[in-house]
C-alpha atoms as a PDB file:
ATOM      1  CA  MET A   1       3.407  18.539  40.443  1.00  0.00           C
ATOM      2  CA  ASN A   2       1.045  19.706  37.704  1.00  0.00           C
ATOM      3  CA  TYR A   3      -0.977  16.769  36.372  1.00  0.00           C
ATOM      4  CA  LEU A   4      -2.575  18.822  33.599  1.00  0.00           C
ATOM      5  CA  SER A   5      -0.714  18.524  30.321  1.00  0.00           C
ATOM      6  CA  ASP A   6      -2.499  21.649  29.028  1.00  0.00           C
ATOM      7  CA  ASN A   7       0.552  23.764  29.876  1.00  0.00           C
ATOM      8  CA  LYS A   8       3.013  21.650  27.874  1.00  0.00           C
ATOM      9  CA  LYS A   9       5.185  23.691  25.553  1.00  0.00           C
ATOM     10  CA  TYR A  10       6.938  21.969  22.651  1.00  0.00           C
ATOM     11  CA  THR A  11       9.941  23.430  20.895  1.00  0.00           C
ATOM     12  CA  ILE A  12       9.885  23.203  17.123  1.00  0.00           C
ATOM     13  CA  GLY A  13      12.242  20.209  17.337  1.00  0.00           C
ATOM     14  CA  GLU A  14       9.997  18.379  19.814  1.00  0.00           C
ATOM     15  CA  PHE A  15       6.903  19.217  17.776  1.00  0.00           C
ATOM     16  CA  SER A  16       8.623  18.055  14.604  1.00  0.00           C
ATOM     17  CA  ARG A  17       9.553  14.711  16.192  1.00  0.00           C
ATOM     18  CA  LYS A  18       6.062  14.289  17.649  1.00  0.00           C
ATOM     19  CA  PHE A  19       4.558  14.480  14.148  1.00  0.00           C
ATOM     20  CA  ASN A  20       7.502  13.025  12.265  1.00  0.00           C
ATOM     21  CA  LEU A  21       7.634  16.166  10.133  1.00  0.00           C
ATOM     22  CA  PRO A  22      10.738  18.145   9.234  1.00  0.00           C
ATOM     23  CA  THR A  23      11.000  21.549  10.905  1.00  0.00           C
ATOM     24  CA  SER A  24      10.991  23.046   7.399  1.00  0.00           C
ATOM     25  CA  THR A  25       7.463  21.672   6.913  1.00  0.00           C
ATOM     26  CA  LEU A  26       6.330  23.259  10.178  1.00  0.00           C
ATOM     27  CA  ARG A  27       7.842  26.571   9.087  1.00  0.00           C
ATOM     28  CA  TYR A  28       6.061  26.226   5.723  1.00  0.00           C
ATOM     29  CA  TYR A  29       2.759  25.563   7.499  1.00  0.00           C
ATOM     30  CA  GLU A  30       3.387  28.661   9.588  1.00  0.00           C
ATOM     31  CA  THR A  31       4.169  30.757   6.495  1.00  0.00           C
ATOM     32  CA  GLU A  32       0.955  29.505   4.876  1.00  0.00           C
ATOM     33  CA  GLY A  33      -1.032  30.358   8.015  1.00  0.00           C
ATOM     34  CA  LEU A  34      -1.979  26.752   8.761  1.00  0.00           C
ATOM     35  CA  ILE A  35      -0.413  26.801  12.227  1.00  0.00           C
ATOM     36  CA  LYS A  36       0.375  29.718  14.492  1.00  0.00           C
ATOM     37  CA  PRO A  37       3.014  28.887  17.081  1.00  0.00           C
ATOM     38  CA  GLN A  38       3.526  31.006  20.158  1.00  0.00           C
ATOM     39  CA  ARG A  39       6.856  32.695  20.829  1.00  0.00           C
ATOM     40  CA  PHE A  40       9.101  32.570  23.856  1.00  0.00           C
ATOM     41  CA  PRO A  41      10.412  35.977  25.012  1.00  0.00           C
ATOM     42  CA  ASN A  42      13.627  35.248  23.072  1.00  0.00           C
ATOM     43  CA  GLY A  43      11.563  34.849  19.856  1.00  0.00           C
ATOM     44  CA  ARG A  44      11.850  31.065  19.560  1.00  0.00           C
ATOM     45  CA  ARG A  45       8.698  29.197  18.534  1.00  0.00           C
ATOM     46  CA  TYR A  46       6.818  26.880  20.798  1.00  0.00           C
ATOM     47  CA  TYR A  47       3.698  24.808  20.374  1.00  0.00           C
ATOM     48  CA  THR A  48       1.029  23.843  22.886  1.00  0.00           C
ATOM     49  CA  THR A  49      -1.225  20.827  23.370  1.00  0.00           C
ATOM     50  CA  GLU A  50      -3.885  22.836  21.529  1.00  0.00           C
ATOM     51  CA  ASP A  51      -1.490  23.011  18.563  1.00  0.00           C
ATOM     52  CA  VAL A  52      -1.050  19.234  18.801  1.00  0.00           C
ATOM     53  CA  SER A  53      -4.801  18.734  18.428  1.00  0.00           C
ATOM     54  CA  TRP A  54      -5.005  21.282  15.618  1.00  0.00           C
ATOM     55  CA  LEU A  55      -2.158  19.727  13.619  1.00  0.00           C
ATOM     56  CA  LYS A  56      -3.658  16.258  14.059  1.00  0.00           C
ATOM     57  CA  PHE A  57      -6.905  17.596  12.561  1.00  0.00           C
ATOM     58  CA  LEU A  58      -5.047  19.336   9.714  1.00  0.00           C
ATOM     59  CA  ASN A  59      -3.201  16.097   8.974  1.00  0.00           C
ATOM     60  CA  HIS A  60      -6.536  14.297   8.740  1.00  0.00           C
ATOM     61  CA  LEU A  61      -7.815  16.896   6.273  1.00  0.00           C
ATOM     62  CA  LYS A  62      -4.563  16.706   4.276  1.00  0.00           C
ATOM     63  CA  GLY A  63      -4.892  12.918   4.314  1.00  0.00           C
ATOM     64  CA  THR A  64      -8.209  13.249   2.528  1.00  0.00           C
ATOM     65  CA  GLY A  65      -6.499  15.225  -0.213  1.00  0.00           C
ATOM     66  CA  MET A  66      -7.648  18.681   0.859  1.00  0.00           C
ATOM     67  CA  SER A  67      -5.408  21.258  -0.819  1.00  0.00           C
ATOM     68  CA  VAL A  68      -3.413  23.874   1.076  1.00  0.00           C
ATOM     69  CA  LYS A  69      -5.617  26.494  -0.583  1.00  0.00           C
ATOM     70  CA  ASP A  70      -8.762  24.841   0.844  1.00  0.00           C
ATOM     71  CA  LEU A  71      -7.102  24.355   4.236  1.00  0.00           C
ATOM     72  CA  LYS A  72      -6.329  28.074   4.325  1.00  0.00           C
ATOM     73  CA  GLN A  73      -9.909  28.907   3.374  1.00  0.00           C
ATOM     74  CA  TYR A  74     -11.206  26.592   6.106  1.00  0.00           C
ATOM     75  CA  ILE A  75      -8.990  28.342   8.658  1.00  0.00           C
ATOM     76  CA  ILE A  76     -10.188  31.784   7.551  1.00  0.00           C
ATOM     77  CA  TRP A  77     -13.811  30.690   7.922  1.00  0.00           C
ATOM     78  CA  ARG A  78     -13.064  29.030  11.274  1.00  0.00           C
ATOM     79  CA  GLU A  79     -11.561  32.257  12.575  1.00  0.00           C
ATOM     80  CA  GLN A  80     -14.705  34.132  11.493  1.00  0.00           C
ATOM     81  CA  GLY A  81     -16.828  32.061  13.861  1.00  0.00           C
ATOM     82  CA  ASP A  82     -20.091  30.159  13.681  1.00  0.00           C
ATOM     83  CA  ARG A  83     -21.602  32.320  10.946  1.00  0.00           C
ATOM     84  CA  THR A  84     -19.302  30.492   8.486  1.00  0.00           C
ATOM     85  CA  ILE A  85     -20.400  26.994   9.500  1.00  0.00           C
ATOM     86  CA  PRO A  86     -22.426  26.580   6.254  1.00  0.00           C
ATOM     87  CA  GLN A  87     -19.323  27.346   4.149  1.00  0.00           C
ATOM     88  CA  ARG A  88     -17.111  25.052   6.233  1.00  0.00           C
ATOM     89  CA  LEU A  89     -19.695  22.303   6.072  1.00  0.00           C
ATOM     90  CA  GLU A  90     -19.925  22.610   2.282  1.00  0.00           C
ATOM     91  CA  LEU A  91     -16.124  22.523   1.958  1.00  0.00           C
ATOM     92  CA  LEU A  92     -15.906  19.427   4.177  1.00  0.00           C
ATOM     93  CA  LYS A  93     -18.688  17.689   2.231  1.00  0.00           C
ATOM     94  CA  THR A  94     -16.969  18.475  -1.077  1.00  0.00           C
ATOM     95  CA  THR A  95     -13.682  17.177   0.320  1.00  0.00           C
ATOM     96  CA  LYS A  96     -15.436  14.027   1.516  1.00  0.00           C
ATOM     97  CA  ASN A  97     -17.023  13.402  -1.901  1.00  0.00           C
ATOM     98  CA  ASP A  98     -13.700  13.975  -3.692  1.00  0.00           C
ATOM     99  CA  PHE A  99     -11.974  11.660  -1.213  1.00  0.00           C
ATOM    100  CA  LEU A 100     -14.586   8.930  -1.661  1.00  0.00           C
ATOM    101  CA  ASN A 101     -14.175   9.115  -5.441  1.00  0.00           C
ATOM    102  CA  GLU A 102     -10.398   8.853  -5.082  1.00  0.00           C
ATOM    103  CA  PHE A 103     -10.778   6.048  -2.544  1.00  0.00           C
ATOM    104  CA  SER A 104     -13.016   4.128  -4.935  1.00  0.00           C
ATOM    105  CA  GLU A 105     -10.433   4.499  -7.672  1.00  0.00           C
ATOM    106  CA  ILE A 106      -7.672   3.309  -5.313  1.00  0.00           C
ATOM    107  CA  GLN A 107      -9.799   0.307  -4.338  1.00  0.00           C
ATOM    108  CA  HIS A 108     -10.206  -0.507  -8.028  1.00  0.00           C
ATOM    109  CA  HIS A 109      -6.425  -0.309  -8.538  1.00  0.00           C
ATOM    110  CA  LEU A 110      -5.944  -2.640  -5.575  1.00  0.00           C
ATOM    111  CA  GLN A 111      -8.502  -5.073  -6.977  1.00  0.00           C
ATOM    112  CA  ILE A 112      -6.669  -5.181 -10.329  1.00  0.00           C
ATOM    113  CA  LEU A 113      -3.371  -5.709  -8.499  1.00  0.00           C
ATOM    114  CA  ASN A 114      -4.882  -8.558  -6.475  1.00  0.00           C
ATOM    115  CA  ASP A 115      -6.396 -10.061  -9.626  1.00  0.00           C
ATOM    116  CA  LYS A 116      -3.015  -9.930 -11.363  1.00  0.00           C
ATOM    117  CA  ILE A 117      -1.350 -11.613  -8.364  1.00  0.00           C
ATOM    118  CA  ASN A 118      -4.052 -14.319  -8.322  1.00  0.00           C
ATOM    119  CA  TRP A 119      -3.682 -14.789 -12.077  1.00  0.00           C
ATOM    120  CA  TYR A 120       0.080 -15.321 -11.762  1.00  0.00           C
ATOM    121  CA  GLU A 121      -0.349 -17.632  -8.766  1.00  0.00           C
ATOM    122  CA  ALA A 122      -2.915 -19.703 -10.686  1.00  0.00           C
ATOM    123  CA  LYS A 123      -0.536 -19.955 -13.654  1.00  0.00           C
ATOM    124  CA  GLU A 124       2.376 -20.844 -11.401  1.00  0.00           C
ATOM    125  CA  ALA A 125       0.305 -23.554  -9.666  1.00  0.00           C
ATOM    126  CA  GLY A 126      -0.875 -24.934 -13.006  1.00  0.00           C
ATOM    127  CA  ILE A 127      -4.506 -24.150 -12.144  1.00  0.00           C
ATOM    128  CA  SER A 128      -5.080 -21.952 -15.181  1.00  0.00           C
ATOM    129  CA  SER A 129      -4.006 -22.389 -18.752  1.00  0.00           C
ATOM    130  CA  GLU A 130      -0.700 -20.858 -19.753  1.00  0.00           C
ATOM    131  CA  ASP A 131      -2.270 -19.189 -22.765  1.00  0.00           C
ATOM    132  CA  GLU A 132      -5.116 -17.516 -20.842  1.00  0.00           C
ATOM    133  CA  ALA A 133      -4.778 -13.737 -21.249  1.00  0.00           C
ATOM    134  CA  PHE A 134      -5.176 -11.520 -18.191  1.00  0.00           C
ATOM    135  CA  ALA A 135      -8.076  -9.665 -19.847  1.00  0.00           C
ATOM    136  CA  ASP A 136      -9.884 -13.006 -20.314  1.00  0.00           C
ATOM    137  CA  TYR A 137      -9.219 -13.875 -16.679  1.00  0.00           C
ATOM    138  CA  LEU A 138     -10.709 -10.528 -15.566  1.00  0.00           C
ATOM    139  CA  GLN A 139     -13.747 -11.045 -17.777  1.00  0.00           C
ATOM    140  CA  LYS A 140     -14.242 -14.498 -16.250  1.00  0.00           C
ATOM    141  CA  LEU A 141     -14.236 -12.837 -12.803  1.00  0.00           C
ATOM    142  CA  GLY A 142     -16.633 -10.141 -13.952  1.00  0.00           C
ATOM    143  CA  HIS A 143     -14.010  -7.420 -13.413  1.00  0.00           C
ATOM    144  CA  HIS A 144     -12.888  -4.713 -15.781  1.00  0.00           C
ATOM    145  CA  GLU A 145      -9.387  -3.335 -16.222  1.00  0.00           C
END
């Protein structure tokens, strides 16, 4: 019995279920050059454990908001080897900065949502005055809409 999982081959259906992605998305990624499945002799696609690791990484980059265009550029530079590390590093740093800005904005939205919930709960519990406006409540907390 082979204890190394390095030789595992996933059909497109298995790979799709593993990542909870439709097969159409995997085909789109292939068309865009983001993933490059192997082919069985009969022409059917298969994916390896290396592809699993690669798609996990791509999903992390996508999760930060990196565009398909930038993902493709990253892949091109990656394929060109270590001489493109400065370009890849700059792209990753830019993506990180953009993500942190977006994350900060999302945190602000969450804070306003929490403030609104607290405001309603205080009104419902009779802790705050019924005529207190939400904007006044935020100002009292030192928050801005």
